[in-house]
Amino acid sequence: MTSTPAHNPPDSGETAYFGYRRVAAADKGLLVREHFDTVAAHYDLMNTLLSFGLHHLWKRTAIKMLGLKPGDRVLDVCGGTGDLALLAARKVGRRGRIVIYDINRAMLVTGRPKIARSPLAPRIDWLQGDAERLSCPDAAFDAAMVGFGIRNLTHPEKGFQEMHRVLAPGGRLMCLEFSQPTWAWFRWLYDLYSFYFMPLAGKIMVGSWQAYTYLPESIRMFARPQELSAVLEEIGFAQVRFRRLTNGIAAVHVGVKTP
């Protein structure tokens, strides 16, 4: 759910969606950064409350699907407060390394104490930067993952292209992202919860109604699982597959960079 916005020329005339709002592409990065500055201090707590703790199960499932091995080098794009990084660190062992990569300093600062308290902390590094222009060399990682962050990019396809670039041949990609329930009645209940209860909880807990209207809006504007699979295949990932979680509230995509 953390973000890595782009910085486009102000005169490009290009637009992007920030929730339901169409804004100048050059402005989306600032809006997303302001959003996460607002929610960072309460980010982990709100995730647990609003998902009824299910996000922990989703993340464990996603890491299992990524198939990490001891010694793997892993890039955690939009890694935020480090939940996925901690789970991955258990899989890669003492010889493995995890790099948490995020543009939002407030999110990184929020996550640091949690990482520091873990015995896995020596396996985890931090890097602040833009996911659409990763500050990493080609073929530097065995796996790349992004959890609840790719929809916040101004150009999500550029983020995936960069992850493809930094993966070694045979490297694995995992994307965990929100989607929409498949059952119509459940989708109706979920919409009611998302567009009314979530903003109210945001107002009470964070002091911002808007911060938690952006969340469901951005989910509705994001690609459906089949559409996202097609994007990944076009970029060059092979063996792309996805799994819907909790009737489609979230979805995990995995793919492989061909040798």
Protein backbone atom coordinates (compact mmCIF):
# COMPACT_ATOMS: atom_id res chain seq x y z
CA MET A 1 0.00 0.00 0.00
CA THR A 2 3.09 2.15 -0.01
CA SER A 3 3.86 4.12 -3.14
CA THR A 4 6.60 5.02 -5.49
CA PRO A 5 5.40 7.90 -7.64
CA ALA A 6 6.98 9.17 -10.82
CA HIS A 7 8.17 12.67 -11.62
CA ASN A 8 7.03 13.72 -15.08
CA PRO A 9 7.74 16.99 -16.86
CA PRO A 10 5.14 19.58 -15.86
CA ASP A 11 4.45 20.49 -19.48
CA SER A 12 3.93 16.92 -20.71
CA GLY A 13 0.14 17.24 -20.72
CA GLU A 14 -0.11 13.66 -19.46
CA THR A 15 -2.73 12.76 -16.86
CA ALA A 16 -3.15 9.98 -14.32
CA TYR A 17 -5.77 8.87 -11.84
CA PHE A 18 -5.46 9.61 -8.14
CA GLY A 19 -8.39 7.57 -6.91
CA TYR A 20 -11.29 8.73 -9.08
CA ARG A 21 -9.68 12.10 -9.74
CA ARG A 22 -7.87 12.70 -13.00
CA VAL A 23 -4.80 14.79 -12.23
CA ALA A 24 -1.68 15.88 -14.07
CA ALA A 25 0.73 12.94 -14.10
CA ALA A 26 3.40 15.25 -12.73
CA ASP A 27 1.21 15.88 -9.65
CA LYS A 28 0.28 12.31 -8.78
CA GLY A 29 3.59 11.56 -7.09
CA LEU A 30 3.16 14.47 -4.70
CA LEU A 31 -0.44 13.51 -3.91
CA VAL A 32 0.50 9.91 -3.20
CA ARG A 33 3.43 11.00 -1.04
CA GLU A 34 1.17 13.32 0.96
CA HIS A 35 -1.29 10.46 1.40
CA PHE A 36 1.32 8.16 2.91
CA ASP A 37 2.79 10.95 5.02
CA THR A 38 -0.69 11.19 6.55
CA VAL A 39 -1.22 7.49 7.23
CA ALA A 40 2.35 6.29 7.96
CA ALA A 41 2.23 6.50 11.76
CA HIS A 42 -0.92 4.37 11.92
CA TYR A 43 -0.31 2.28 8.80
CA ASP A 44 0.25 -1.15 10.35
CA LEU A 45 -2.56 -0.76 12.89
CA MET A 46 -5.05 0.41 10.27
CA ASN A 47 -4.12 -2.44 7.94
CA THR A 48 -4.87 -4.94 10.68
CA LEU A 49 -8.10 -3.28 11.77
CA LEU A 50 -9.53 -2.69 8.30
CA SER A 51 -8.63 -6.16 6.98
CA PHE A 52 -9.60 -7.90 10.25
CA GLY A 53 -6.06 -9.25 10.30
CA LEU A 54 -6.41 -10.97 6.92
CA HIS A 55 -3.53 -9.01 5.39
CA HIS A 56 -1.09 -11.13 7.42
CA LEU A 57 -2.51 -14.31 5.85
CA TRP A 58 -2.43 -12.76 2.37
CA LYS A 59 1.22 -11.80 2.78
CA ARG A 60 2.24 -15.25 4.01
CA THR A 61 0.45 -16.83 1.03
CA ALA A 62 2.17 -14.43 -1.36
CA ILE A 63 5.63 -15.20 0.02
CA LYS A 64 4.93 -18.92 -0.25
CA MET A 65 3.95 -18.49 -3.90
CA LEU A 66 7.17 -16.57 -4.59
CA GLY A 67 9.15 -19.71 -3.73
CA LEU A 68 12.20 -18.12 -2.13
CA LYS A 69 15.32 -20.20 -1.47
CA PRO A 70 18.22 -19.86 0.99
CA GLY A 71 20.72 -17.31 -0.27
CA ASP A 72 18.26 -15.43 -2.52
CA ARG A 73 18.69 -11.70 -3.06
CA VAL A 74 15.25 -10.06 -2.89
CA LEU A 75 14.05 -6.56 -3.79
CA ASP A 76 10.93 -5.46 -1.89
CA VAL A 77 9.54 -2.65 -4.06
CA CYS A 78 7.21 -0.18 -2.29
CA GLY A 79 8.29 -2.10 0.79
CA GLY A 80 7.06 0.48 3.29
CA THR A 81 7.04 -0.74 6.87
CA GLY A 82 8.62 -4.09 6.04
CA ASP A 83 6.02 -6.82 6.62
CA LEU A 84 6.88 -8.69 3.42
CA ALA A 85 10.59 -8.17 3.98
CA LEU A 86 10.43 -9.86 7.39
CA LEU A 87 8.55 -12.83 5.96
CA ALA A 88 11.02 -13.12 3.09
CA ALA A 89 14.01 -12.85 5.43
CA ARG A 90 12.92 -16.06 7.14
CA LYS A 91 13.06 -17.88 3.81
CA VAL A 92 16.39 -16.64 2.46
CA GLY A 93 18.46 -17.58 5.49
CA ARG A 94 21.66 -15.99 6.74
CA ARG A 95 23.23 -15.82 3.29
CA GLY A 96 20.20 -14.09 1.75
CA ARG A 97 19.54 -10.36 1.57
CA ILE A 98 16.36 -8.29 1.39
CA VAL A 99 16.35 -4.68 0.19
CA ILE A 100 13.29 -2.63 1.17
CA TYR A 101 12.83 0.00 -1.53
CA ASP A 102 10.35 2.85 -1.10
CA ILE A 103 10.13 6.52 -1.98
CA ASN A 104 8.23 7.57 1.14
CA ARG A 105 10.56 8.42 4.00
CA ALA A 106 7.76 8.49 6.59
CA MET A 107 6.87 4.88 5.80
CA LEU A 108 10.50 3.75 6.02
CA VAL A 109 10.97 5.57 9.33
CA THR A 110 7.80 3.97 10.69
CA GLY A 111 8.99 0.49 9.77
CA ARG A 112 12.55 0.75 11.05
CA PRO A 113 11.83 0.06 14.76
CA LYS A 114 9.83 -3.05 13.85
CA ILE A 115 12.70 -4.36 11.73
CA ALA A 116 15.27 -3.43 14.37
CA ARG A 117 13.45 -5.49 17.01
CA SER A 118 13.61 -8.61 14.86
CA PRO A 119 16.55 -11.06 14.91
CA LEU A 120 16.20 -11.00 11.11
CA ALA A 121 17.25 -7.35 10.92
CA PRO A 122 20.85 -8.09 9.75
CA ARG A 123 19.41 -9.61 6.55
CA ILE A 124 17.44 -6.47 5.62
CA ASP A 125 18.68 -3.23 4.03
CA TRP A 126 16.84 -0.03 3.14
CA LEU A 127 16.91 2.14 0.03
CA GLN A 128 14.80 5.22 -0.66
CA GLY A 129 13.96 5.82 -4.30
CA ASP A 130 11.50 5.82 -7.18
CA ALA A 131 10.14 2.41 -8.26
CA GLU A 132 9.80 3.64 -11.85
CA ARG A 133 13.57 4.27 -11.92
CA LEU A 134 15.12 1.69 -9.62
CA SER A 135 18.58 2.61 -8.35
CA CYS A 136 19.78 -0.96 -8.82
CA PRO A 137 21.99 -2.63 -11.47
CA ASP A 138 20.69 -5.04 -14.07
CA ALA A 139 20.21 -8.68 -13.02
CA ALA A 140 21.05 -7.93 -9.38
CA PHE A 141 18.24 -9.89 -7.70
CA ASP A 142 16.87 -13.42 -7.62
CA ALA A 143 13.38 -12.23 -6.73
CA ALA A 144 11.37 -9.00 -6.71
CA MET A 145 8.12 -8.42 -4.88
CA VAL A 146 5.62 -5.62 -4.44
CA GLY A 147 2.77 -5.68 -1.93
CA PHE A 148 -0.16 -3.28 -2.12
CA GLY A 149 1.94 -0.61 -3.79
CA ILE A 150 1.98 -1.01 -7.56
CA ARG A 151 -1.41 0.67 -8.08
CA ASN A 152 -0.04 3.85 -6.53
CA LEU A 153 2.58 4.33 -9.22
CA THR A 154 1.89 6.90 -11.89
CA HIS A 155 2.93 4.29 -14.48
CA PRO A 156 2.63 0.79 -12.96
CA GLU A 157 3.95 -0.81 -16.13
CA LYS A 158 7.22 1.11 -15.70
CA GLY A 159 7.58 -0.31 -12.22
CA PHE A 160 7.15 -3.84 -13.58
CA GLN A 161 9.61 -3.12 -16.40
CA GLU A 162 12.18 -1.99 -13.85
CA MET A 163 11.64 -5.10 -11.73
CA HIS A 164 12.11 -7.20 -14.87
CA ARG A 165 15.38 -5.35 -15.57
CA VAL A 166 16.89 -5.89 -12.13
CA LEU A 167 15.98 -9.57 -11.97
CA ALA A 168 18.58 -12.14 -12.97
CA PRO A 169 17.53 -14.61 -15.71
CA GLY A 170 15.18 -17.08 -14.07
CA GLY A 171 14.36 -14.55 -11.35
CA ARG A 172 10.87 -14.52 -9.90
CA LEU A 173 8.33 -11.72 -9.57
CA MET A 174 5.49 -11.54 -7.04
CA CYS A 175 2.79 -8.87 -6.94
CA LEU A 176 0.22 -8.81 -4.13
CA GLU A 177 -2.50 -6.26 -4.75
CA PHE A 178 -6.09 -5.49 -3.90
CA SER A 179 -8.79 -6.46 -6.36
CA GLN A 180 -12.57 -6.88 -6.29
CA PRO A 181 -14.69 -9.75 -4.92
CA THR A 182 -16.04 -12.18 -7.49
CA TRP A 183 -19.45 -12.83 -5.87
CA ALA A 184 -21.91 -9.99 -6.62
CA TRP A 185 -23.51 -9.95 -3.16
CA PHE A 186 -20.12 -9.98 -1.46
CA ARG A 187 -18.90 -7.20 -3.77
CA TRP A 188 -21.91 -5.10 -2.71
CA LEU A 189 -21.11 -5.60 0.98
CA TYR A 190 -17.43 -4.90 0.34
CA ASP A 191 -18.24 -1.66 -1.49
CA LEU A 192 -20.48 -0.57 1.38
CA TYR A 193 -17.68 -1.32 3.84
CA SER A 194 -14.98 0.29 1.69
CA PHE A 195 -16.72 3.54 0.81
CA TYR A 196 -18.42 4.23 4.15
CA PHE A 197 -16.78 2.40 7.04
CA MET A 198 -13.15 2.76 5.90
CA PRO A 199 -13.28 6.57 5.52
CA LEU A 200 -15.07 6.85 8.86
CA ALA A 201 -12.38 4.74 10.52
CA GLY A 202 -9.75 6.91 8.84
CA LYS A 203 -11.35 10.05 10.20
CA ILE A 204 -11.46 8.61 13.73
CA MET A 205 -8.04 6.94 13.81
CA VAL A 206 -5.95 9.10 11.50
CA GLY A 207 -7.89 12.35 11.40
CA SER A 208 -8.43 12.14 7.65
CA TRP A 209 -11.56 11.02 5.79
CA GLN A 210 -9.87 11.58 2.41
CA ALA A 211 -6.95 9.27 3.16
CA TYR A 212 -9.29 6.29 3.27
CA THR A 213 -11.49 7.28 0.36
CA TYR A 214 -8.40 7.14 -1.85
CA LEU A 215 -7.82 3.49 -0.91
CA PRO A 216 -11.07 1.99 -2.29
CA GLU A 217 -11.09 4.38 -5.24
CA SER A 218 -7.57 3.37 -6.27
CA ILE A 219 -8.56 -0.30 -6.00
CA ARG A 220 -11.54 0.22 -8.33
CA MET A 221 -9.34 1.97 -10.91
CA PHE A 222 -6.65 -0.73 -10.93
CA ALA A 223 -6.37 -3.54 -13.49
CA ARG A 224 -8.29 -6.76 -12.95
CA PRO A 225 -6.25 -9.96 -12.43
CA GLN A 226 -6.54 -11.12 -16.05
CA GLU A 227 -5.59 -7.66 -17.31
CA LEU A 228 -2.58 -7.52 -15.02
CA SER A 229 -1.47 -10.96 -16.20
CA ALA A 230 -1.51 -9.69 -19.78
CA VAL A 231 0.61 -6.67 -18.80
CA LEU A 232 3.21 -8.89 -17.14
CA GLU A 233 3.38 -11.21 -20.15
CA GLU A 234 3.78 -8.27 -22.52
CA ILE A 235 6.69 -6.97 -20.44
CA GLY A 236 8.41 -10.34 -20.80
CA PHE A 237 7.49 -12.44 -17.77
CA ALA A 238 6.73 -16.09 -18.40
CA GLN A 239 4.74 -18.68 -16.44
CA VAL A 240 2.48 -15.89 -15.21
CA ARG A 241 -0.31 -17.05 -12.95
CA PHE A 242 -2.50 -15.52 -10.28
CA ARG A 243 -4.49 -16.59 -7.26
CA ARG A 244 -7.46 -14.75 -5.83
CA LEU A 245 -7.60 -14.48 -2.04
CA THR A 246 -10.73 -14.08 0.14
CA ASN A 247 -13.10 -14.18 -2.83
CA GLY A 248 -10.95 -11.75 -4.77
CA ILE A 249 -10.42 -8.95 -2.24
CA ALA A 250 -6.73 -9.46 -2.97
CA ALA A 251 -4.83 -11.27 -5.71
CA VAL A 252 -1.29 -12.63 -5.98
CA HIS A 253 0.48 -12.69 -9.34
CA VAL A 254 3.76 -14.52 -9.93
CA GLY A 255 5.96 -14.76 -12.99
CA VAL A 256 9.47 -15.65 -14.10
CA LYS A 257 12.05 -13.70 -16.09
CA THR A 258 13.04 -15.99 -18.92
CA PRO A 259 16.78 -16.72 -19.36
